[in-house]
Amino acid sequence: MHISGKIFMAIGIVICLIGGLLMAVGGSNIDDSGDWDVVEKSEWNGQSGTFQFEGDGDLYSKFGVRISDQVTFVIARERFTELVDDNATLVVEGRPNEGDLVYFPLAQKLFQIQYVEYETPFFQLGKIHTWGLKCELFEFSNENFDTGVDAIDVVERNFSTTITLNFAEGGSGTFTAGETIAGGTSNVTAEVKSFDSATRQLQIYNRSGIFTIPETVTGQTSGAAWTTASYNTLNNTNSEFDQNQFFETQADGILDFSQGNPFGEFGGET
């Protein structure tokens, strides 16, 4: 045999020995890895295949700052059916619904589903295993959240229109945050954000109507009972930029509401 042939034969034998050694060392790790079940693999991603926020970012408009972050969540169909579809009544059964909300704990944000992608990835391994949820950051507008998950329900407490209910002296008990209160005369209900017994002021939101002055307001959980003294529905204590009271006062100096038609002459003369 030619000398070059002997050299290549020796190299081949060395490579085979190294390969056998690696198989012996790494074989157990391969066995331990188990089978790949594509149904169980879920991820969140953007267009690049990794998680990222997209959209137009923070926009300044005549109505203030608008945040339009977007994200795509890819979820396993089988797991969605097991955890959501089998345990809830959906408008459209069998799949995620547009308009539903998704809470993302890592970002501590709520996203609203704008579109459900049915064929992404397209028939990977001969079957479609996932749903693609194209979502935008949810814009809160006084929706009622009663999920039982404090991290989600706190959105309502922090951003709902909230007013201060002032009480007269002589009440009893302490209202607890999150409980429902009811007026004894008006039957109006509301939810408690906070209560200061020293100032006798109760912060409430999700109000169903107008409380009577005076009437006894009772906490449905705490049993606290206090008599209303006054409150103002125009002052939203949850917003430092609220100007409802300012516009109401200024409008009284511009428009004459004693007339039948304060915006013109028609019907304004007798």
C-alpha atoms as a PDB file:
ATOM      1  CA  MET A   1       0.000   0.000   0.000  1.00  0.00           C
ATOM      2  CA  HIS A   2       1.192   3.447  -0.836  1.00  0.00           C
ATOM      3  CA  ILE A   3       2.386   5.565   2.096  1.00  0.00           C
ATOM      4  CA  SER A   4      -0.384   8.170   1.566  1.00  0.00           C
ATOM      5  CA  GLY A   5      -3.015   5.431   1.775  1.00  0.00           C
ATOM      6  CA  LYS A   6      -1.616   4.258   5.090  1.00  0.00           C
ATOM      7  CA  ILE A   7      -1.739   7.821   6.440  1.00  0.00           C
ATOM      8  CA  PHE A   8      -5.431   8.289   5.517  1.00  0.00           C
ATOM      9  CA  MET A   9      -6.265   4.854   6.941  1.00  0.00           C
ATOM     10  CA  ALA A  10      -4.645   5.812  10.234  1.00  0.00           C
ATOM     11  CA  ILE A  11      -6.573   9.092  10.323  1.00  0.00           C
ATOM     12  CA  GLY A  12      -9.838   7.232   9.702  1.00  0.00           C
ATOM     13  CA  ILE A  13      -9.144   4.776  12.523  1.00  0.00           C
ATOM     14  CA  VAL A  14      -8.435   7.682  14.920  1.00  0.00           C
ATOM     15  CA  ILE A  15     -11.659   9.431  13.926  1.00  0.00           C
ATOM     16  CA  CYS A  16     -13.660   6.232  14.473  1.00  0.00           C
ATOM     17  CA  LEU A  17     -12.140   5.773  17.918  1.00  0.00           C
ATOM     18  CA  ILE A  18     -12.952   9.376  18.888  1.00  0.00           C
ATOM     19  CA  GLY A  19     -16.517   8.982  17.586  1.00  0.00           C
ATOM     20  CA  GLY A  20     -17.019   5.806  19.601  1.00  0.00           C
ATOM     21  CA  LEU A  21     -15.706   7.504  22.729  1.00  0.00           C
ATOM     22  CA  LEU A  22     -18.071  10.480  22.271  1.00  0.00           C
ATOM     23  CA  MET A  23     -21.049   8.159  21.749  1.00  0.00           C
ATOM     24  CA  ALA A  24     -20.201   6.298  24.942  1.00  0.00           C
ATOM     25  CA  VAL A  25     -19.927   9.512  26.959  1.00  0.00           C
ATOM     26  CA  GLY A  26     -22.848  11.403  25.430  1.00  0.00           C
ATOM     27  CA  GLY A  27     -25.254   8.570  24.722  1.00  0.00           C
ATOM     28  CA  SER A  28     -26.891   8.753  28.130  1.00  0.00           C
ATOM     29  CA  ASN A  29     -27.595  12.460  27.657  1.00  0.00           C
ATOM     30  CA  ILE A  30     -29.298  11.772  24.334  1.00  0.00           C
ATOM     31  CA  ASP A  31     -31.496   9.096  25.926  1.00  0.00           C
ATOM     32  CA  ASP A  32     -32.402  11.405  28.799  1.00  0.00           C
ATOM     33  CA  SER A  33     -33.578  14.165  26.479  1.00  0.00           C
ATOM     34  CA  GLY A  34     -36.848  12.355  25.753  1.00  0.00           C
ATOM     35  CA  ASP A  35     -39.141  12.803  22.766  1.00  0.00           C
ATOM     36  CA  TRP A  36     -39.864  16.265  21.373  1.00  0.00           C
ATOM     37  CA  ASP A  37     -43.567  16.967  21.702  1.00  0.00           C
ATOM     38  CA  VAL A  38     -44.326  19.919  19.474  1.00  0.00           C
ATOM     39  CA  VAL A  39     -47.778  20.363  21.066  1.00  0.00           C
ATOM     40  CA  GLU A  40     -46.231  21.260  24.425  1.00  0.00           C
ATOM     41  CA  LYS A  41     -43.848  23.919  23.095  1.00  0.00           C
ATOM     42  CA  SER A  42     -45.194  27.464  23.338  1.00  0.00           C
ATOM     43  CA  GLU A  43     -43.378  30.735  22.892  1.00  0.00           C
ATOM     44  CA  TRP A  44     -43.975  34.430  22.506  1.00  0.00           C
ATOM     45  CA  ASN A  45     -42.361  36.230  19.633  1.00  0.00           C
ATOM     46  CA  GLY A  46     -42.272  39.136  17.229  1.00  0.00           C
ATOM     47  CA  GLN A  47     -41.473  39.156  13.540  1.00  0.00           C
ATOM     48  CA  SER A  48     -37.850  38.150  14.198  1.00  0.00           C
ATOM     49  CA  GLY A  49     -38.805  34.975  16.075  1.00  0.00           C
ATOM     50  CA  THR A  50     -37.934  36.299  19.533  1.00  0.00           C
ATOM     51  CA  PHE A  51     -40.032  38.183  22.050  1.00  0.00           C
ATOM     52  CA  GLN A  52     -40.134  41.902  21.448  1.00  0.00           C
ATOM     53  CA  PHE A  53     -42.518  44.810  21.650  1.00  0.00           C
ATOM     54  CA  GLU A  54     -43.501  46.316  18.336  1.00  0.00           C
ATOM     55  CA  GLY A  55     -45.966  48.942  17.156  1.00  0.00           C
ATOM     56  CA  ASP A  56     -45.728  52.711  16.902  1.00  0.00           C
ATOM     57  CA  GLY A  57     -44.477  53.267  20.447  1.00  0.00           C
ATOM     58  CA  ASP A  58     -45.518  56.413  22.306  1.00  0.00           C
ATOM     59  CA  LEU A  59     -47.541  58.819  20.154  1.00  0.00           C
ATOM     60  CA  TYR A  60     -48.311  62.417  21.059  1.00  0.00           C
ATOM     61  CA  SER A  61     -51.700  63.651  19.871  1.00  0.00           C
ATOM     62  CA  LYS A  62     -54.204  66.346  20.735  1.00  0.00           C
ATOM     63  CA  PHE A  63     -55.690  63.925  23.252  1.00  0.00           C
ATOM     64  CA  GLY A  64     -52.379  63.315  25.045  1.00  0.00           C
ATOM     65  CA  VAL A  65     -49.897  60.437  24.956  1.00  0.00           C
ATOM     66  CA  ARG A  66     -51.028  57.166  23.355  1.00  0.00           C
ATOM     67  CA  ILE A  67     -48.958  54.001  23.863  1.00  0.00           C
ATOM     68  CA  SER A  68     -49.479  51.465  21.064  1.00  0.00           C
ATOM     69  CA  ASP A  69     -47.151  48.573  21.906  1.00  0.00           C
ATOM     70  CA  GLN A  70     -47.831  45.387  19.955  1.00  0.00           C
ATOM     71  CA  VAL A  71     -46.799  41.791  20.568  1.00  0.00           C
ATOM     72  CA  THR A  72     -47.497  38.342  19.096  1.00  0.00           C
ATOM     73  CA  PHE A  73     -48.036  35.387  21.432  1.00  0.00           C
ATOM     74  CA  VAL A  74     -47.743  31.853  20.012  1.00  0.00           C
ATOM     75  CA  ILE A  75     -49.590  29.310  22.164  1.00  0.00           C
ATOM     76  CA  ALA A  76     -50.140  25.545  21.913  1.00  0.00           C
ATOM     77  CA  ARG A  77     -53.639  24.653  20.702  1.00  0.00           C
ATOM     78  CA  GLU A  78     -53.948  21.581  22.908  1.00  0.00           C
ATOM     79  CA  ARG A  79     -52.916  23.490  26.031  1.00  0.00           C
ATOM     80  CA  PHE A  80     -55.346  26.337  25.205  1.00  0.00           C
ATOM     81  CA  THR A  81     -58.182  23.829  24.887  1.00  0.00           C
ATOM     82  CA  GLU A  82     -57.281  22.183  28.205  1.00  0.00           C
ATOM     83  CA  LEU A  83     -56.790  25.339  30.285  1.00  0.00           C
ATOM     84  CA  VAL A  84     -59.171  27.836  28.666  1.00  0.00           C
ATOM     85  CA  ASP A  85     -61.704  26.421  26.235  1.00  0.00           C
ATOM     86  CA  ASP A  86     -62.758  23.542  28.523  1.00  0.00           C
ATOM     87  CA  ASN A  87     -63.135  25.880  31.527  1.00  0.00           C
ATOM     88  CA  ALA A  88     -64.800  28.992  30.090  1.00  0.00           C
ATOM     89  CA  THR A  89     -67.690  29.998  27.867  1.00  0.00           C
ATOM     90  CA  LEU A  90     -66.276  31.747  24.804  1.00  0.00           C
ATOM     91  CA  VAL A  91     -68.108  33.821  22.213  1.00  0.00           C
ATOM     92  CA  VAL A  92     -66.541  31.608  19.549  1.00  0.00           C
ATOM     93  CA  GLU A  93     -65.775  28.190  21.008  1.00  0.00           C
ATOM     94  CA  GLY A  94     -62.648  26.229  20.204  1.00  0.00           C
ATOM     95  CA  ARG A  95     -60.170  29.064  19.708  1.00  0.00           C
ATOM     96  CA  PRO A  96     -58.935  32.361  21.227  1.00  0.00           C
ATOM     97  CA  ASN A  97     -61.334  35.235  20.596  1.00  0.00           C
ATOM     98  CA  GLU A  98     -60.544  38.666  19.225  1.00  0.00           C
ATOM     99  CA  GLY A  99     -61.224  41.275  21.908  1.00  0.00           C
ATOM    100  CA  ASP A 100     -60.187  39.011  24.788  1.00  0.00           C
ATOM    101  CA  LEU A 101     -57.403  40.131  27.117  1.00  0.00           C
ATOM    102  CA  VAL A 102     -54.053  38.452  27.781  1.00  0.00           C
ATOM    103  CA  TYR A 103     -52.129  39.321  30.962  1.00  0.00           C
ATOM    104  CA  PHE A 104     -48.336  39.125  30.562  1.00  0.00           C
ATOM    105  CA  PRO A 105     -46.785  38.803  34.071  1.00  0.00           C
ATOM    106  CA  LEU A 106     -43.200  39.600  33.033  1.00  0.00           C
ATOM    107  CA  ALA A 107     -44.228  43.008  31.692  1.00  0.00           C
ATOM    108  CA  GLN A 108     -47.179  43.365  34.130  1.00  0.00           C
ATOM    109  CA  LYS A 109     -49.339  44.548  31.246  1.00  0.00           C
ATOM    110  CA  LEU A 110     -52.663  43.621  29.679  1.00  0.00           C
ATOM    111  CA  PHE A 111     -52.854  43.058  25.938  1.00  0.00           C
ATOM    112  CA  GLN A 112     -55.996  42.829  23.817  1.00  0.00           C
ATOM    113  CA  ILE A 113     -56.202  40.225  21.029  1.00  0.00           C
ATOM    114  CA  GLN A 114     -56.670  42.014  17.701  1.00  0.00           C
ATOM    115  CA  TYR A 115     -56.314  39.035  15.362  1.00  0.00           C
ATOM    116  CA  VAL A 116     -55.893  35.271  15.677  1.00  0.00           C
ATOM    117  CA  GLU A 117     -53.470  33.745  13.174  1.00  0.00           C
ATOM    118  CA  TYR A 118     -54.582  30.221  12.221  1.00  0.00           C
ATOM    119  CA  GLU A 119     -51.722  28.955  10.054  1.00  0.00           C
ATOM    120  CA  THR A 120     -48.461  30.077  11.653  1.00  0.00           C
ATOM    121  CA  PRO A 121     -46.210  28.153  11.311  1.00  0.00           C
ATOM    122  CA  PHE A 122     -47.793  26.712   8.169  1.00  0.00           C
ATOM    123  CA  PHE A 123     -48.402  22.953   8.650  1.00  0.00           C
ATOM    124  CA  GLN A 124     -45.148  22.319  10.444  1.00  0.00           C
ATOM    125  CA  LEU A 125     -44.654  18.538  10.709  1.00  0.00           C
ATOM    126  CA  GLY A 126     -47.882  18.051   8.748  1.00  0.00           C
ATOM    127  CA  LYS A 127     -50.193  19.698  11.285  1.00  0.00           C
ATOM    128  CA  ILE A 128     -50.933  23.120  12.757  1.00  0.00           C
ATOM    129  CA  HIS A 129     -50.143  22.963  16.468  1.00  0.00           C
ATOM    130  CA  THR A 130     -50.357  26.599  17.593  1.00  0.00           C
ATOM    131  CA  TRP A 131     -52.409  29.786  17.619  1.00  0.00           C
ATOM    132  CA  GLY A 132     -50.735  33.111  16.862  1.00  0.00           C
ATOM    133  CA  LEU A 133     -52.286  35.958  18.877  1.00  0.00           C
ATOM    134  CA  LYS A 134     -51.549  39.408  17.486  1.00  0.00           C
ATOM    135  CA  CYS A 135     -52.159  41.794  20.393  1.00  0.00           C
ATOM    136  CA  GLU A 136     -52.000  45.477  21.267  1.00  0.00           C
ATOM    137  CA  LEU A 137     -51.568  47.094  24.669  1.00  0.00           C
ATOM    138  CA  PHE A 138     -55.021  47.328  26.280  1.00  0.00           C
ATOM    139  CA  GLU A 139     -56.499  50.817  26.707  1.00  0.00           C
ATOM    140  CA  PHE A 140     -58.543  50.848  29.913  1.00  0.00           C
ATOM    141  CA  SER A 141     -61.911  52.659  29.850  1.00  0.00           C
ATOM    142  CA  ASN A 142     -63.627  51.821  33.160  1.00  0.00           C
ATOM    143  CA  GLU A 143     -64.191  48.117  32.471  1.00  0.00           C
ATOM    144  CA  ASN A 144     -65.163  45.954  35.455  1.00  0.00           C
ATOM    145  CA  PHE A 145     -62.500  43.355  36.388  1.00  0.00           C
ATOM    146  CA  ASP A 146     -63.479  40.576  38.822  1.00  0.00           C
ATOM    147  CA  THR A 147     -61.029  37.807  37.965  1.00  0.00           C
ATOM    148  CA  GLY A 148     -59.920  37.022  41.510  1.00  0.00           C
ATOM    149  CA  VAL A 149     -56.302  37.640  40.449  1.00  0.00           C
ATOM    150  CA  ASP A 150     -55.146  40.733  42.330  1.00  0.00           C
ATOM    151  CA  ALA A 151     -52.448  41.606  39.773  1.00  0.00           C
ATOM    152  CA  ILE A 152     -55.215  41.975  37.155  1.00  0.00           C
ATOM    153  CA  ASP A 153     -58.032  43.382  39.305  1.00  0.00           C
ATOM    154  CA  VAL A 154     -55.734  46.147  40.588  1.00  0.00           C
ATOM    155  CA  VAL A 155     -55.898  47.695  37.099  1.00  0.00           C
ATOM    156  CA  GLU A 156     -59.533  48.614  37.744  1.00  0.00           C
ATOM    157  CA  ARG A 157     -58.764  50.052  41.197  1.00  0.00           C
ATOM    158  CA  ASN A 158     -55.868  52.148  39.904  1.00  0.00           C
ATOM    159  CA  PHE A 159     -57.440  53.543  36.745  1.00  0.00           C
ATOM    160  CA  SER A 160     -61.245  53.608  37.171  1.00  0.00           C
ATOM    161  CA  THR A 161     -62.972  56.928  37.719  1.00  0.00           C
ATOM    162  CA  THR A 162     -62.849  57.310  41.518  1.00  0.00           C
ATOM    163  CA  ILE A 163     -64.665  59.825  43.716  1.00  0.00           C
ATOM    164  CA  THR A 164     -64.519  60.706  47.429  1.00  0.00           C
ATOM    165  CA  LEU A 165     -67.526  59.967  49.621  1.00  0.00           C
ATOM    166  CA  ASN A 166     -67.520  62.085  52.814  1.00  0.00           C
ATOM    167  CA  PHE A 167     -69.206  60.716  55.945  1.00  0.00           C
ATOM    168  CA  ALA A 168     -70.749  62.335  58.981  1.00  0.00           C
ATOM    169  CA  GLU A 169     -69.441  61.594  62.469  1.00  0.00           C
ATOM    170  CA  GLY A 170     -70.692  58.619  64.421  1.00  0.00           C
ATOM    171  CA  GLY A 171     -70.080  55.757  61.989  1.00  0.00           C
ATOM    172  CA  SER A 172     -68.735  52.329  62.934  1.00  0.00           C
ATOM    173  CA  GLY A 173     -66.305  49.853  61.406  1.00  0.00           C
ATOM    174  CA  THR A 174     -63.629  50.102  58.725  1.00  0.00           C
ATOM    175  CA  PHE A 175     -64.276  49.466  55.058  1.00  0.00           C
ATOM    176  CA  THR A 176     -61.830  47.112  53.312  1.00  0.00           C
ATOM    177  CA  ALA A 177     -60.293  47.645  49.882  1.00  0.00           C
ATOM    178  CA  GLY A 178     -62.094  45.777  47.134  1.00  0.00           C
ATOM    179  CA  GLU A 179     -65.338  45.155  49.002  1.00  0.00           C
ATOM    180  CA  THR A 180     -68.751  46.261  47.734  1.00  0.00           C
ATOM    181  CA  ILE A 181     -70.756  48.914  49.599  1.00  0.00           C
ATOM    182  CA  ALA A 182     -74.484  49.578  49.308  1.00  0.00           C
ATOM    183  CA  GLY A 183     -76.669  52.561  50.145  1.00  0.00           C
ATOM    184  CA  GLY A 184     -79.528  51.775  52.510  1.00  0.00           C
ATOM    185  CA  THR A 185     -81.956  54.191  50.819  1.00  0.00           C
ATOM    186  CA  SER A 186     -80.792  54.460  47.207  1.00  0.00           C
ATOM    187  CA  ASN A 187     -79.583  50.829  46.872  1.00  0.00           C
ATOM    188  CA  VAL A 188     -76.639  52.214  44.903  1.00  0.00           C
ATOM    189  CA  THR A 189     -73.534  50.015  45.005  1.00  0.00           C
ATOM    190  CA  ALA A 190     -69.843  50.780  44.543  1.00  0.00           C
ATOM    191  CA  GLU A 191     -66.442  49.210  45.189  1.00  0.00           C
ATOM    192  CA  VAL A 192     -63.981  50.456  47.793  1.00  0.00           C
ATOM    193  CA  LYS A 193     -60.523  51.642  46.825  1.00  0.00           C
ATOM    194  CA  SER A 194     -59.476  52.967  50.239  1.00  0.00           C
ATOM    195  CA  PHE A 195     -60.920  54.345  53.488  1.00  0.00           C
ATOM    196  CA  ASP A 196     -59.491  56.913  55.923  1.00  0.00           C
ATOM    197  CA  SER A 197     -61.373  56.760  59.220  1.00  0.00           C
ATOM    198  CA  ALA A 198     -59.561  59.859  60.547  1.00  0.00           C
ATOM    199  CA  THR A 199     -60.904  62.115  57.766  1.00  0.00           C
ATOM    200  CA  ARG A 200     -64.043  59.958  57.278  1.00  0.00           C
ATOM    201  CA  GLN A 201     -63.364  59.824  53.529  1.00  0.00           C
ATOM    202  CA  LEU A 202     -64.072  56.790  51.378  1.00  0.00           C
ATOM    203  CA  GLN A 203     -62.584  56.421  47.876  1.00  0.00           C
ATOM    204  CA  ILE A 204     -65.017  54.493  45.650  1.00  0.00           C
ATOM    205  CA  TYR A 205     -65.208  53.374  42.009  1.00  0.00           C
ATOM    206  CA  ASN A 206     -67.517  51.344  39.753  1.00  0.00           C
ATOM    207  CA  ARG A 207     -70.524  53.255  41.130  1.00  0.00           C
ATOM    208  CA  SER A 208     -73.976  52.102  39.924  1.00  0.00           C
ATOM    209  CA  GLY A 209     -75.805  55.398  40.575  1.00  0.00           C
ATOM    210  CA  ILE A 210     -76.109  58.436  42.846  1.00  0.00           C
ATOM    211  CA  PHE A 211     -76.064  58.037  46.626  1.00  0.00           C
ATOM    212  CA  THR A 212     -78.703  59.803  48.702  1.00  0.00           C
ATOM    213  CA  ILE A 213     -77.585  62.488  51.170  1.00  0.00           C
ATOM    214  CA  PRO A 214     -77.958  61.459  53.949  1.00  0.00           C
ATOM    215  CA  GLU A 215     -78.212  57.661  53.926  1.00  0.00           C
ATOM    216  CA  THR A 216     -76.403  54.800  55.647  1.00  0.00           C
ATOM    217  CA  VAL A 217     -73.761  53.070  53.521  1.00  0.00           C
ATOM    218  CA  THR A 218     -72.842  49.541  54.611  1.00  0.00           C
ATOM    219  CA  GLY A 219     -69.848  47.399  53.627  1.00  0.00           C
ATOM    220  CA  GLN A 220     -71.014  44.008  52.371  1.00  0.00           C
ATOM    221  CA  THR A 221     -67.873  42.272  53.692  1.00  0.00           C
ATOM    222  CA  SER A 222     -66.646  44.359  56.641  1.00  0.00           C
ATOM    223  CA  GLY A 223     -70.086  45.313  57.984  1.00  0.00           C
ATOM    224  CA  ALA A 224     -68.899  48.927  58.439  1.00  0.00           C
ATOM    225  CA  ALA A 225     -71.776  51.440  58.482  1.00  0.00           C
ATOM    226  CA  TRP A 226     -71.448  55.204  57.977  1.00  0.00           C
ATOM    227  CA  THR A 227     -73.840  58.007  57.052  1.00  0.00           C
ATOM    228  CA  THR A 228     -73.148  60.012  53.906  1.00  0.00           C
ATOM    229  CA  ALA A 229     -72.561  63.765  54.273  1.00  0.00           C
ATOM    230  CA  SER A 230     -71.442  64.882  50.794  1.00  0.00           C
ATOM    231  CA  TYR A 231     -69.618  63.870  47.637  1.00  0.00           C
ATOM    232  CA  ASN A 232     -68.701  65.318  44.238  1.00  0.00           C
ATOM    233  CA  THR A 233     -69.022  63.192  41.112  1.00  0.00           C
ATOM    234  CA  LEU A 234     -66.845  65.580  39.048  1.00  0.00           C
ATOM    235  CA  ASN A 235     -63.561  65.145  40.929  1.00  0.00           C
ATOM    236  CA  ASN A 236     -61.769  62.014  39.741  1.00  0.00           C
ATOM    237  CA  THR A 237     -59.182  61.322  42.447  1.00  0.00           C
ATOM    238  CA  ASN A 238     -57.503  58.631  40.323  1.00  0.00           C
ATOM    239  CA  SER A 239     -56.197  61.245  37.877  1.00  0.00           C
ATOM    240  CA  GLU A 240     -53.910  64.164  38.620  1.00  0.00           C
ATOM    241  CA  PHE A 241     -54.864  65.684  35.251  1.00  0.00           C
ATOM    242  CA  ASP A 242     -58.641  65.626  35.789  1.00  0.00           C
ATOM    243  CA  GLN A 243     -60.281  68.992  34.969  1.00  0.00           C
ATOM    244  CA  ASN A 244     -63.988  68.163  35.104  1.00  0.00           C
ATOM    245  CA  GLN A 245     -64.669  70.621  37.931  1.00  0.00           C
ATOM    246  CA  PHE A 246     -62.736  73.399  36.164  1.00  0.00           C
ATOM    247  CA  PHE A 247     -64.676  73.027  32.908  1.00  0.00           C
ATOM    248  CA  GLU A 248     -67.991  72.807  34.767  1.00  0.00           C
ATOM    249  CA  THR A 249     -67.276  76.063  36.594  1.00  0.00           C
ATOM    250  CA  GLN A 250     -66.014  77.907  33.511  1.00  0.00           C
ATOM    251  CA  ALA A 251     -68.952  76.728  31.384  1.00  0.00           C
ATOM    252  CA  ASP A 252     -71.415  78.304  33.819  1.00  0.00           C
ATOM    253  CA  GLY A 253     -69.889  81.687  32.972  1.00  0.00           C
ATOM    254  CA  ILE A 254     -70.203  81.163  29.219  1.00  0.00           C
ATOM    255  CA  LEU A 255     -73.515  79.367  28.666  1.00  0.00           C
ATOM    256  CA  ASP A 256     -76.831  80.569  30.096  1.00  0.00           C
ATOM    257  CA  PHE A 257     -78.576  77.381  31.115  1.00  0.00           C
ATOM    258  CA  SER A 258     -81.619  79.313  32.315  1.00  0.00           C
ATOM    259  CA  GLN A 259     -82.611  79.617  28.655  1.00  0.00           C
ATOM    260  CA  GLY A 260     -84.450  76.927  26.756  1.00  0.00           C
ATOM    261  CA  ASN A 261     -81.643  76.797  24.201  1.00  0.00           C
ATOM    262  CA  PRO A 262     -78.345  78.071  25.670  1.00  0.00           C
ATOM    263  CA  PHE A 263     -76.534  77.538  22.343  1.00  0.00           C
ATOM    264  CA  GLY A 264     -78.600  79.956  20.213  1.00  0.00           C
ATOM    265  CA  GLU A 265     -81.672  82.144  19.879  1.00  0.00           C
ATOM    266  CA  PHE A 266     -84.160  79.490  18.756  1.00  0.00           C
ATOM    267  CA  GLY A 267     -86.348  78.580  21.699  1.00  0.00           C
ATOM    268  CA  GLY A 268     -84.432  80.942  23.959  1.00  0.00           C
ATOM    269  CA  GLU A 269     -87.000  83.745  23.883  1.00  0.00           C
ATOM    270  CA  THR A 270     -90.420  83.895  25.508  1.00  0.00           C
END
